[in-house]
Amino acid sequence: METDRLFFRKYTMEDVDFYASLWGNSEVVRYIGAGIPKTPPEAKAHLQERVLPRYKNGVGLFAMVYKPENKLIGHAGIIPQEVEGDIEMEIGYWLMPEYWGKGLAKEAAMAFRDYGFNELGLDRMISLINPNNPASIFVARKNGMRYERTVHFLTSTALVYAIQKEEFLEMKQ
């Protein structure tokens, strides 16, 4: 999949150094889970055990390439998450800090929103957002999502922003 400025592809083990650099960057992970960076061996294990085996039915985390530089800058995708006992499809996105503020997270989120509804036939998608992350709240709102509720997710509190297919179709008219 691609947008004007981004190209998405499946991760491979050849991307392990980049993946570890994302997980090792305290700015990138401060709003992810407990906000604790992973060591390179932990990131490698995460890539091998949690990312690569989960590419099924068109979902997963995809490496994000910034086309003008042909450079990996983050990842995005649709990930099944268990939220309060229900399986939800989450649109997630991470970027290296030097690419923040350029509209790239919004571009990625919108591409996966469109993909999820148009290609995967999903009826609903969410984004789980740390309450202290105004940039991700902004992206979710620009993606047509609205605040739904606050939940305990994994080790912290998360805001659930959601969009239904009907809302998406109304936006596109």
N, C-alpha and C. Protein backbone atom coordinates (compact mmCIF):
# COMPACT_ATOMS: atom_id res chain seq x y z
N MET A 1 0.85 -1.17 0.00
CA MET A 1 0.00 0.00 0.00
C MET A 1 0.89 1.23 0.00
N GLU A 2 0.40 2.29 -0.64
CA GLU A 2 1.15 3.54 -0.61
C GLU A 2 0.24 4.74 -0.65
N THR A 3 0.78 5.87 -0.20
CA THR A 3 0.11 7.17 -0.24
C THR A 3 1.01 8.09 -1.06
N ASP A 4 0.71 9.36 -1.05
CA ASP A 4 1.55 10.30 -1.80
C ASP A 4 3.01 10.25 -1.35
N ARG A 5 3.22 10.19 -0.03
CA ARG A 5 4.59 10.27 0.50
C ARG A 5 5.09 9.00 1.16
N LEU A 6 4.21 8.02 1.35
CA LEU A 6 4.57 6.83 2.12
C LEU A 6 4.33 5.55 1.36
N PHE A 7 5.14 4.57 1.66
CA PHE A 7 4.99 3.22 1.14
C PHE A 7 5.02 2.28 2.33
N PHE A 8 4.13 1.29 2.36
CA PHE A 8 4.06 0.34 3.47
C PHE A 8 4.37 -1.06 2.96
N ARG A 9 5.16 -1.78 3.74
CA ARG A 9 5.49 -3.17 3.40
C ARG A 9 5.63 -3.97 4.68
N LYS A 10 5.58 -5.30 4.52
CA LYS A 10 5.76 -6.16 5.69
C LYS A 10 7.20 -6.02 6.21
N TYR A 11 7.31 -6.09 7.52
CA TYR A 11 8.63 -6.16 8.12
C TYR A 11 9.28 -7.50 7.76
N THR A 12 10.61 -7.51 7.75
CA THR A 12 11.39 -8.73 7.65
C THR A 12 12.46 -8.67 8.75
N MET A 13 13.16 -9.76 8.97
CA MET A 13 14.23 -9.74 9.97
C MET A 13 15.37 -8.82 9.54
N GLU A 14 15.45 -8.47 8.27
CA GLU A 14 16.46 -7.51 7.83
C GLU A 14 16.21 -6.11 8.40
N ASP A 15 15.01 -5.88 8.90
CA ASP A 15 14.64 -4.57 9.47
C ASP A 15 14.88 -4.51 10.97
N VAL A 16 15.52 -5.53 11.56
CA VAL A 16 15.61 -5.61 13.00
C VAL A 16 16.35 -4.41 13.61
N ASP A 17 17.37 -3.89 12.97
CA ASP A 17 18.09 -2.74 13.54
C ASP A 17 17.19 -1.51 13.59
N PHE A 18 16.43 -1.29 12.52
CA PHE A 18 15.51 -0.15 12.54
C PHE A 18 14.42 -0.36 13.60
N TYR A 19 13.84 -1.56 13.64
CA TYR A 19 12.79 -1.87 14.61
C TYR A 19 13.31 -1.64 16.04
N ALA A 20 14.53 -2.07 16.29
CA ALA A 20 15.14 -1.86 17.62
C ALA A 20 15.36 -0.38 17.88
N SER A 21 15.68 0.40 16.85
CA SER A 21 15.88 1.84 17.04
C SER A 21 14.57 2.53 17.41
N LEU A 22 13.45 2.07 16.86
CA LEU A 22 12.14 2.61 17.25
C LEU A 22 11.87 2.30 18.72
N TRP A 23 11.98 1.01 19.07
CA TRP A 23 11.70 0.58 20.44
C TRP A 23 12.70 1.15 21.44
N GLY A 24 13.90 1.46 20.99
CA GLY A 24 14.92 1.98 21.88
C GLY A 24 14.86 3.48 22.09
N ASN A 25 13.99 4.15 21.33
CA ASN A 25 13.90 5.61 21.41
C ASN A 25 12.86 5.99 22.47
N SER A 26 13.32 6.59 23.55
CA SER A 26 12.41 6.91 24.66
C SER A 26 11.32 7.90 24.25
N GLU A 27 11.59 8.79 23.29
CA GLU A 27 10.56 9.72 22.82
C GLU A 27 9.46 8.97 22.07
N VAL A 28 9.83 7.98 21.27
CA VAL A 28 8.86 7.23 20.49
C VAL A 28 7.95 6.40 21.40
N VAL A 29 8.53 5.74 22.39
CA VAL A 29 7.75 4.80 23.21
C VAL A 29 7.14 5.42 24.47
N ARG A 30 7.35 6.69 24.70
CA ARG A 30 6.86 7.26 25.97
C ARG A 30 5.36 7.12 26.14
N TYR A 31 4.59 7.04 25.05
CA TYR A 31 3.14 6.88 25.15
C TYR A 31 2.68 5.48 24.74
N ILE A 32 3.61 4.55 24.62
CA ILE A 32 3.28 3.18 24.23
C ILE A 32 3.37 2.29 25.48
N GLY A 33 2.27 1.61 25.81
CA GLY A 33 2.27 0.73 26.98
C GLY A 33 2.76 1.44 28.22
N ALA A 34 3.75 0.87 28.88
CA ALA A 34 4.31 1.46 30.10
C ALA A 34 5.33 2.55 29.78
N GLY A 35 5.61 2.80 28.49
CA GLY A 35 6.56 3.84 28.12
C GLY A 35 8.01 3.47 28.31
N ILE A 36 8.29 2.17 28.38
CA ILE A 36 9.65 1.70 28.66
C ILE A 36 10.29 1.20 27.36
N PRO A 37 11.43 1.78 26.97
CA PRO A 37 12.12 1.29 25.77
C PRO A 37 12.54 -0.17 25.92
N LYS A 38 12.69 -0.84 24.79
CA LYS A 38 13.19 -2.22 24.77
C LYS A 38 14.66 -2.19 24.38
N THR A 39 15.41 -3.17 24.88
CA THR A 39 16.79 -3.35 24.46
C THR A 39 16.77 -3.95 23.05
N PRO A 40 17.89 -3.89 22.32
CA PRO A 40 17.92 -4.53 20.99
C PRO A 40 17.52 -6.01 21.02
N PRO A 41 17.99 -6.82 21.98
CA PRO A 41 17.53 -8.21 21.99
C PRO A 41 16.03 -8.35 22.26
N GLU A 42 15.48 -7.49 23.13
CA GLU A 42 14.03 -7.52 23.39
C GLU A 42 13.25 -7.13 22.14
N ALA A 43 13.72 -6.10 21.44
CA ALA A 43 13.05 -5.67 20.21
C ALA A 43 13.11 -6.76 19.14
N LYS A 44 14.26 -7.42 19.03
CA LYS A 44 14.40 -8.51 18.06
C LYS A 44 13.41 -9.62 18.36
N ALA A 45 13.31 -9.99 19.63
CA ALA A 45 12.36 -11.05 20.03
C ALA A 45 10.92 -10.61 19.73
N HIS A 46 10.61 -9.35 19.99
CA HIS A 46 9.27 -8.84 19.72
C HIS A 46 8.94 -8.91 18.23
N LEU A 47 9.89 -8.51 17.41
CA LEU A 47 9.69 -8.57 15.96
C LEU A 47 9.46 -10.02 15.52
N GLN A 48 10.30 -10.93 16.00
CA GLN A 48 10.20 -12.34 15.61
C GLN A 48 8.92 -13.01 16.12
N GLU A 49 8.54 -12.71 17.35
CA GLU A 49 7.46 -13.45 18.00
C GLU A 49 6.09 -12.78 17.88
N ARG A 50 6.06 -11.44 17.77
CA ARG A 50 4.77 -10.75 17.81
C ARG A 50 4.39 -10.06 16.51
N VAL A 51 5.36 -9.66 15.72
CA VAL A 51 5.03 -8.92 14.49
C VAL A 51 4.99 -9.84 13.28
N LEU A 52 6.09 -10.51 13.00
CA LEU A 52 6.19 -11.31 11.78
C LEU A 52 5.15 -12.42 11.68
N PRO A 53 4.84 -13.15 12.75
CA PRO A 53 3.86 -14.24 12.62
C PRO A 53 2.41 -13.75 12.48
N ARG A 54 2.16 -12.48 12.68
CA ARG A 54 0.78 -12.00 12.73
C ARG A 54 0.27 -11.40 11.42
N TYR A 55 1.02 -11.52 10.35
CA TYR A 55 0.54 -11.02 9.07
C TYR A 55 -0.48 -12.01 8.51
N LYS A 56 -1.71 -11.82 8.89
CA LYS A 56 -2.80 -12.68 8.43
C LYS A 56 -3.98 -11.82 8.07
N ASN A 57 -4.68 -12.21 7.04
CA ASN A 57 -5.92 -11.52 6.64
C ASN A 57 -5.72 -10.03 6.43
N GLY A 58 -4.51 -9.64 5.99
CA GLY A 58 -4.26 -8.25 5.64
C GLY A 58 -3.99 -7.32 6.81
N VAL A 59 -3.85 -7.87 8.02
CA VAL A 59 -3.60 -7.01 9.17
C VAL A 59 -2.17 -7.20 9.68
N GLY A 60 -1.75 -6.30 10.53
CA GLY A 60 -0.42 -6.35 11.12
C GLY A 60 0.22 -4.98 11.11
N LEU A 61 1.44 -4.91 11.63
CA LEU A 61 2.23 -3.67 11.61
C LEU A 61 3.12 -3.71 10.38
N PHE A 62 3.04 -2.67 9.58
CA PHE A 62 3.80 -2.59 8.34
C PHE A 62 4.87 -1.50 8.45
N ALA A 63 6.05 -1.83 7.98
CA ALA A 63 7.14 -0.86 7.95
C ALA A 63 6.73 0.31 7.05
N MET A 64 7.02 1.52 7.51
CA MET A 64 6.65 2.74 6.81
C MET A 64 7.89 3.35 6.17
N VAL A 65 7.86 3.48 4.86
CA VAL A 65 8.99 4.05 4.11
C VAL A 65 8.58 5.44 3.62
N TYR A 66 9.42 6.42 3.91
CA TYR A 66 9.21 7.79 3.43
C TYR A 66 9.78 7.85 2.02
N LYS A 67 8.89 7.95 1.03
CA LYS A 67 9.30 7.84 -0.38
C LYS A 67 10.32 8.89 -0.81
N PRO A 68 10.20 10.17 -0.42
CA PRO A 68 11.21 11.14 -0.89
C PRO A 68 12.65 10.79 -0.51
N GLU A 69 12.82 10.04 0.59
CA GLU A 69 14.17 9.67 1.03
C GLU A 69 14.42 8.16 0.92
N ASN A 70 13.41 7.40 0.52
CA ASN A 70 13.48 5.94 0.47
C ASN A 70 14.05 5.39 1.78
N LYS A 71 13.45 5.86 2.90
CA LYS A 71 13.99 5.57 4.22
C LYS A 71 12.88 5.08 5.15
N LEU A 72 13.17 4.06 5.96
CA LEU A 72 12.24 3.62 7.00
C LEU A 72 12.14 4.72 8.05
N ILE A 73 10.90 5.09 8.39
CA ILE A 73 10.71 6.16 9.38
C ILE A 73 9.75 5.77 10.50
N GLY A 74 9.14 4.59 10.41
CA GLY A 74 8.20 4.17 11.44
C GLY A 74 7.42 2.97 10.98
N HIS A 75 6.26 2.78 11.59
CA HIS A 75 5.37 1.72 11.12
C HIS A 75 3.93 2.10 11.43
N ALA A 76 3.02 1.42 10.74
CA ALA A 76 1.59 1.65 10.93
C ALA A 76 0.87 0.38 10.51
N GLY A 77 -0.38 0.29 10.92
CA GLY A 77 -1.15 -0.87 10.51
C GLY A 77 -2.43 -1.01 11.28
N ILE A 78 -3.08 -2.13 11.07
CA ILE A 78 -4.30 -2.49 11.78
C ILE A 78 -3.98 -3.74 12.59
N ILE A 79 -4.17 -3.63 13.89
CA ILE A 79 -3.75 -4.68 14.81
C ILE A 79 -4.94 -5.11 15.67
N PRO A 80 -5.23 -6.41 15.72
CA PRO A 80 -6.27 -6.86 16.66
C PRO A 80 -5.81 -6.66 18.10
N GLN A 81 -6.66 -6.04 18.90
CA GLN A 81 -6.36 -5.80 20.31
C GLN A 81 -7.54 -6.26 21.16
N GLU A 82 -7.24 -6.82 22.32
CA GLU A 82 -8.31 -7.15 23.26
C GLU A 82 -8.51 -5.97 24.20
N VAL A 83 -9.71 -5.40 24.14
CA VAL A 83 -10.06 -4.24 24.96
C VAL A 83 -11.29 -4.61 25.78
N GLU A 84 -11.09 -4.70 27.08
CA GLU A 84 -12.19 -5.04 28.01
C GLU A 84 -12.97 -6.27 27.54
N GLY A 85 -12.24 -7.29 27.11
CA GLY A 85 -12.85 -8.55 26.74
C GLY A 85 -13.32 -8.66 25.29
N ASP A 86 -13.28 -7.55 24.55
CA ASP A 86 -13.69 -7.57 23.15
C ASP A 86 -12.47 -7.43 22.24
N ILE A 87 -12.50 -8.10 21.10
CA ILE A 87 -11.44 -7.93 20.10
C ILE A 87 -11.82 -6.74 19.23
N GLU A 88 -10.95 -5.77 19.21
CA GLU A 88 -11.13 -4.55 18.42
C GLU A 88 -9.99 -4.47 17.41
N MET A 89 -10.25 -3.83 16.29
CA MET A 89 -9.21 -3.62 15.28
C MET A 89 -8.69 -2.19 15.44
N GLU A 90 -7.42 -2.10 15.82
CA GLU A 90 -6.81 -0.81 16.11
C GLU A 90 -5.95 -0.32 14.96
N ILE A 91 -6.13 0.94 14.61
CA ILE A 91 -5.22 1.63 13.70
C ILE A 91 -4.10 2.20 14.57
N GLY A 92 -2.88 1.74 14.33
CA GLY A 92 -1.75 2.21 15.11
C GLY A 92 -0.69 2.81 14.20
N TYR A 93 0.13 3.70 14.75
CA TYR A 93 1.17 4.37 13.97
C TYR A 93 2.26 4.89 14.89
N TRP A 94 3.50 4.67 14.50
CA TRP A 94 4.67 5.18 15.21
C TRP A 94 5.59 5.82 14.19
N LEU A 95 6.19 6.94 14.56
CA LEU A 95 7.16 7.61 13.69
C LEU A 95 8.38 8.02 14.49
N MET A 96 9.53 8.03 13.82
CA MET A 96 10.72 8.59 14.44
C MET A 96 10.50 10.09 14.65
N PRO A 97 11.00 10.66 15.74
CA PRO A 97 10.71 12.05 16.08
C PRO A 97 11.03 13.08 15.00
N GLU A 98 12.06 12.83 14.22
CA GLU A 98 12.42 13.83 13.19
C GLU A 98 11.35 13.94 12.09
N TYR A 99 10.37 13.02 12.09
CA TYR A 99 9.29 13.06 11.09
C TYR A 99 7.96 13.48 11.70
N TRP A 100 7.96 13.86 12.97
CA TRP A 100 6.75 14.34 13.62
C TRP A 100 6.39 15.72 13.06
N GLY A 101 5.13 16.07 13.10
CA GLY A 101 4.67 17.40 12.72
C GLY A 101 4.62 17.65 11.22
N LYS A 102 4.73 16.62 10.41
CA LYS A 102 4.71 16.77 8.95
C LYS A 102 3.43 16.19 8.32
N GLY A 103 2.50 15.74 9.17
CA GLY A 103 1.26 15.16 8.65
C GLY A 103 1.40 13.70 8.21
N LEU A 104 2.53 13.08 8.51
CA LEU A 104 2.76 11.71 8.05
C LEU A 104 1.97 10.68 8.86
N ALA A 105 1.81 10.90 10.17
CA ALA A 105 1.00 9.98 10.97
C ALA A 105 -0.45 10.04 10.50
N LYS A 106 -0.94 11.24 10.23
CA LYS A 106 -2.31 11.40 9.72
C LYS A 106 -2.46 10.71 8.37
N GLU A 107 -1.48 10.87 7.50
CA GLU A 107 -1.51 10.23 6.18
C GLU A 107 -1.54 8.71 6.31
N ALA A 108 -0.74 8.17 7.22
CA ALA A 108 -0.71 6.72 7.44
C ALA A 108 -2.03 6.24 8.04
N ALA A 109 -2.52 6.95 9.06
CA ALA A 109 -3.76 6.55 9.72
C ALA A 109 -4.94 6.56 8.75
N MET A 110 -5.01 7.58 7.92
CA MET A 110 -6.11 7.67 6.94
C MET A 110 -6.00 6.56 5.90
N ALA A 111 -4.79 6.22 5.50
CA ALA A 111 -4.61 5.15 4.53
C ALA A 111 -5.09 3.82 5.10
N PHE A 112 -4.76 3.55 6.37
CA PHE A 112 -5.20 2.29 6.98
C PHE A 112 -6.68 2.32 7.32
N ARG A 113 -7.23 3.48 7.62
CA ARG A 113 -8.69 3.58 7.81
C ARG A 113 -9.40 3.19 6.51
N ASP A 114 -8.97 3.80 5.40
CA ASP A 114 -9.59 3.51 4.10
C ASP A 114 -9.41 2.03 3.74
N TYR A 115 -8.21 1.52 3.96
CA TYR A 115 -7.91 0.12 3.68
C TYR A 115 -8.79 -0.81 4.52
N GLY A 116 -8.93 -0.51 5.80
CA GLY A 116 -9.71 -1.35 6.69
C GLY A 116 -11.18 -1.42 6.29
N PHE A 117 -11.74 -0.29 5.92
CA PHE A 117 -13.14 -0.28 5.53
C PHE A 117 -13.35 -0.78 4.09
N ASN A 118 -12.52 -0.32 3.17
CA ASN A 118 -12.72 -0.64 1.76
C ASN A 118 -12.21 -2.01 1.35
N GLU A 119 -11.06 -2.42 1.88
CA GLU A 119 -10.44 -3.68 1.46
C GLU A 119 -10.72 -4.84 2.41
N LEU A 120 -10.68 -4.56 3.70
CA LEU A 120 -10.88 -5.63 4.68
C LEU A 120 -12.35 -5.81 5.06
N GLY A 121 -13.18 -4.84 4.72
CA GLY A 121 -14.61 -4.94 5.02
C GLY A 121 -14.93 -4.82 6.50
N LEU A 122 -14.11 -4.11 7.25
CA LEU A 122 -14.36 -3.94 8.69
C LEU A 122 -15.56 -3.01 8.90
N ASP A 123 -16.24 -3.19 10.02
CA ASP A 123 -17.39 -2.36 10.37
C ASP A 123 -17.02 -1.26 11.36
N ARG A 124 -15.87 -1.42 12.04
CA ARG A 124 -15.47 -0.48 13.08
C ARG A 124 -13.97 -0.59 13.28
N MET A 125 -13.34 0.54 13.59
CA MET A 125 -11.93 0.55 13.97
C MET A 125 -11.73 1.55 15.09
N ILE A 126 -10.68 1.32 15.86
CA ILE A 126 -10.36 2.20 16.98
C ILE A 126 -8.90 2.62 16.91
N SER A 127 -8.57 3.60 17.73
CA SER A 127 -7.18 3.89 18.08
C SER A 127 -7.15 4.00 19.59
N LEU A 128 -6.18 3.34 20.20
CA LEU A 128 -5.95 3.40 21.64
C LEU A 128 -4.86 4.43 21.90
N ILE A 129 -5.19 5.44 22.69
CA ILE A 129 -4.28 6.59 22.81
C ILE A 129 -4.03 6.91 24.28
N ASN A 130 -2.77 7.10 24.62
CA ASN A 130 -2.41 7.56 25.96
C ASN A 130 -3.03 8.94 26.16
N PRO A 131 -3.71 9.19 27.28
CA PRO A 131 -4.36 10.48 27.50
C PRO A 131 -3.42 11.68 27.46
N ASN A 132 -2.13 11.45 27.65
CA ASN A 132 -1.15 12.54 27.64
C ASN A 132 -0.53 12.77 26.27
N ASN A 133 -1.10 12.18 25.21
CA ASN A 133 -0.53 12.28 23.87
C ASN A 133 -1.45 13.09 22.95
N PRO A 134 -1.39 14.42 23.04
CA PRO A 134 -2.29 15.25 22.23
C PRO A 134 -2.08 15.09 20.72
N ALA A 135 -0.87 14.77 20.30
CA ALA A 135 -0.62 14.61 18.86
C ALA A 135 -1.42 13.43 18.30
N SER A 136 -1.47 12.31 19.04
CA SER A 136 -2.23 11.16 18.57
C SER A 136 -3.73 11.40 18.64
N ILE A 137 -4.17 12.17 19.63
CA ILE A 137 -5.59 12.54 19.69
C ILE A 137 -5.94 13.37 18.45
N PHE A 138 -5.08 14.30 18.08
CA PHE A 138 -5.28 15.12 16.89
C PHE A 138 -5.38 14.24 15.64
N VAL A 139 -4.47 13.27 15.51
CA VAL A 139 -4.49 12.37 14.35
C VAL A 139 -5.79 11.58 14.31
N ALA A 140 -6.21 11.05 15.45
CA ALA A 140 -7.46 10.27 15.50
C ALA A 140 -8.65 11.12 15.07
N ARG A 141 -8.70 12.34 15.54
CA ARG A 141 -9.82 13.23 15.16
C ARG A 141 -9.78 13.54 13.67
N LYS A 142 -8.61 13.80 13.14
CA LYS A 142 -8.47 14.07 11.70
C LYS A 142 -8.84 12.83 10.89
N ASN A 143 -8.73 11.67 11.51
CA ASN A 143 -9.06 10.41 10.85
C ASN A 143 -10.55 10.09 10.96
N GLY A 144 -11.33 11.04 11.47
CA GLY A 144 -12.77 10.85 11.57
C GLY A 144 -13.21 10.12 12.82
N MET A 145 -12.29 9.86 13.72
CA MET A 145 -12.62 9.13 14.95
C MET A 145 -13.11 10.10 16.01
N ARG A 146 -13.92 9.55 16.92
CA ARG A 146 -14.41 10.35 18.04
C ARG A 146 -14.09 9.62 19.34
N TYR A 147 -13.94 10.40 20.39
CA TYR A 147 -13.69 9.81 21.71
C TYR A 147 -14.91 8.97 22.10
N GLU A 148 -14.64 7.76 22.58
CA GLU A 148 -15.71 6.87 22.99
C GLU A 148 -15.70 6.61 24.49
N ARG A 149 -14.52 6.26 25.02
CA ARG A 149 -14.44 5.95 26.45
C ARG A 149 -12.97 5.84 26.86
N THR A 150 -12.77 5.78 28.17
CA THR A 150 -11.45 5.57 28.74
C THR A 150 -11.42 4.16 29.32
N VAL A 151 -10.35 3.41 29.03
CA VAL A 151 -10.24 2.02 29.47
C VAL A 151 -8.88 1.79 30.13
N HIS A 152 -8.81 0.70 30.90
CA HIS A 152 -7.52 0.21 31.36
C HIS A 152 -7.04 -0.76 30.29
N PHE A 153 -5.89 -0.47 29.69
CA PHE A 153 -5.37 -1.30 28.61
C PHE A 153 -3.93 -1.68 28.94
N LEU A 154 -3.67 -2.98 29.02
CA LEU A 154 -2.36 -3.52 29.39
C LEU A 154 -1.93 -2.94 30.73
N THR A 155 -0.98 -2.02 30.73
CA THR A 155 -0.44 -1.52 31.99
C THR A 155 -0.84 -0.08 32.30
N SER A 156 -1.73 0.49 31.50
CA SER A 156 -2.03 1.91 31.71
C SER A 156 -3.46 2.24 31.27
N THR A 157 -3.78 3.50 31.36
CA THR A 157 -5.07 4.01 30.92
C THR A 157 -4.95 4.42 29.46
N ALA A 158 -6.00 4.15 28.70
CA ALA A 158 -6.01 4.54 27.28
C ALA A 158 -7.36 5.12 26.92
N LEU A 159 -7.33 6.09 26.03
CA LEU A 159 -8.55 6.64 25.44
C LEU A 159 -8.89 5.80 24.22
N VAL A 160 -10.14 5.46 24.07
CA VAL A 160 -10.59 4.75 22.88
C VAL A 160 -11.24 5.78 21.96
N TYR A 161 -10.63 5.96 20.80
CA TYR A 161 -11.23 6.76 19.73
C TYR A 161 -11.71 5.76 18.69
N ALA A 162 -12.91 5.95 18.16
CA ALA A 162 -13.51 4.96 17.28
C ALA A 162 -14.18 5.61 16.08
N ILE A 163 -14.31 4.82 15.03
CA ILE A 163 -15.07 5.21 13.84
C ILE A 163 -15.81 3.97 13.34
N GLN A 164 -17.06 4.16 13.00
CA GLN A 164 -17.90 3.10 12.43
C GLN A 164 -17.88 3.26 10.91
N LYS A 165 -18.15 2.17 10.21
CA LYS A 165 -18.17 2.22 8.74
C LYS A 165 -19.20 3.24 8.24
N GLU A 166 -20.35 3.32 8.90
CA GLU A 166 -21.38 4.29 8.47
C GLU A 166 -20.85 5.71 8.52
N GLU A 167 -20.09 6.03 9.58
CA GLU A 167 -19.51 7.37 9.71
C GLU A 167 -18.50 7.62 8.60
N PHE A 168 -17.71 6.61 8.30
CA PHE A 168 -16.72 6.70 7.23
C PHE A 168 -17.42 6.97 5.89
N LEU A 169 -18.48 6.23 5.61
CA LEU A 169 -19.20 6.40 4.34
C LEU A 169 -19.81 7.79 4.24
N GLU A 170 -20.32 8.31 5.35
CA GLU A 170 -20.88 9.68 5.36
C GLU A 170 -19.79 10.69 5.07
N MET A 171 -18.60 10.50 5.62
CA MET A 171 -17.48 11.42 5.39
C MET A 171 -17.10 11.47 3.91
N LYS A 172 -17.22 10.33 3.26
CA LYS A 172 -16.76 10.21 1.86
C LYS A 172 -17.78 10.76 0.85
N GLN A 173 -18.99 11.11 1.33
CA GLN A 173 -20.01 11.64 0.39
C GLN A 173 -19.78 13.09 0.08
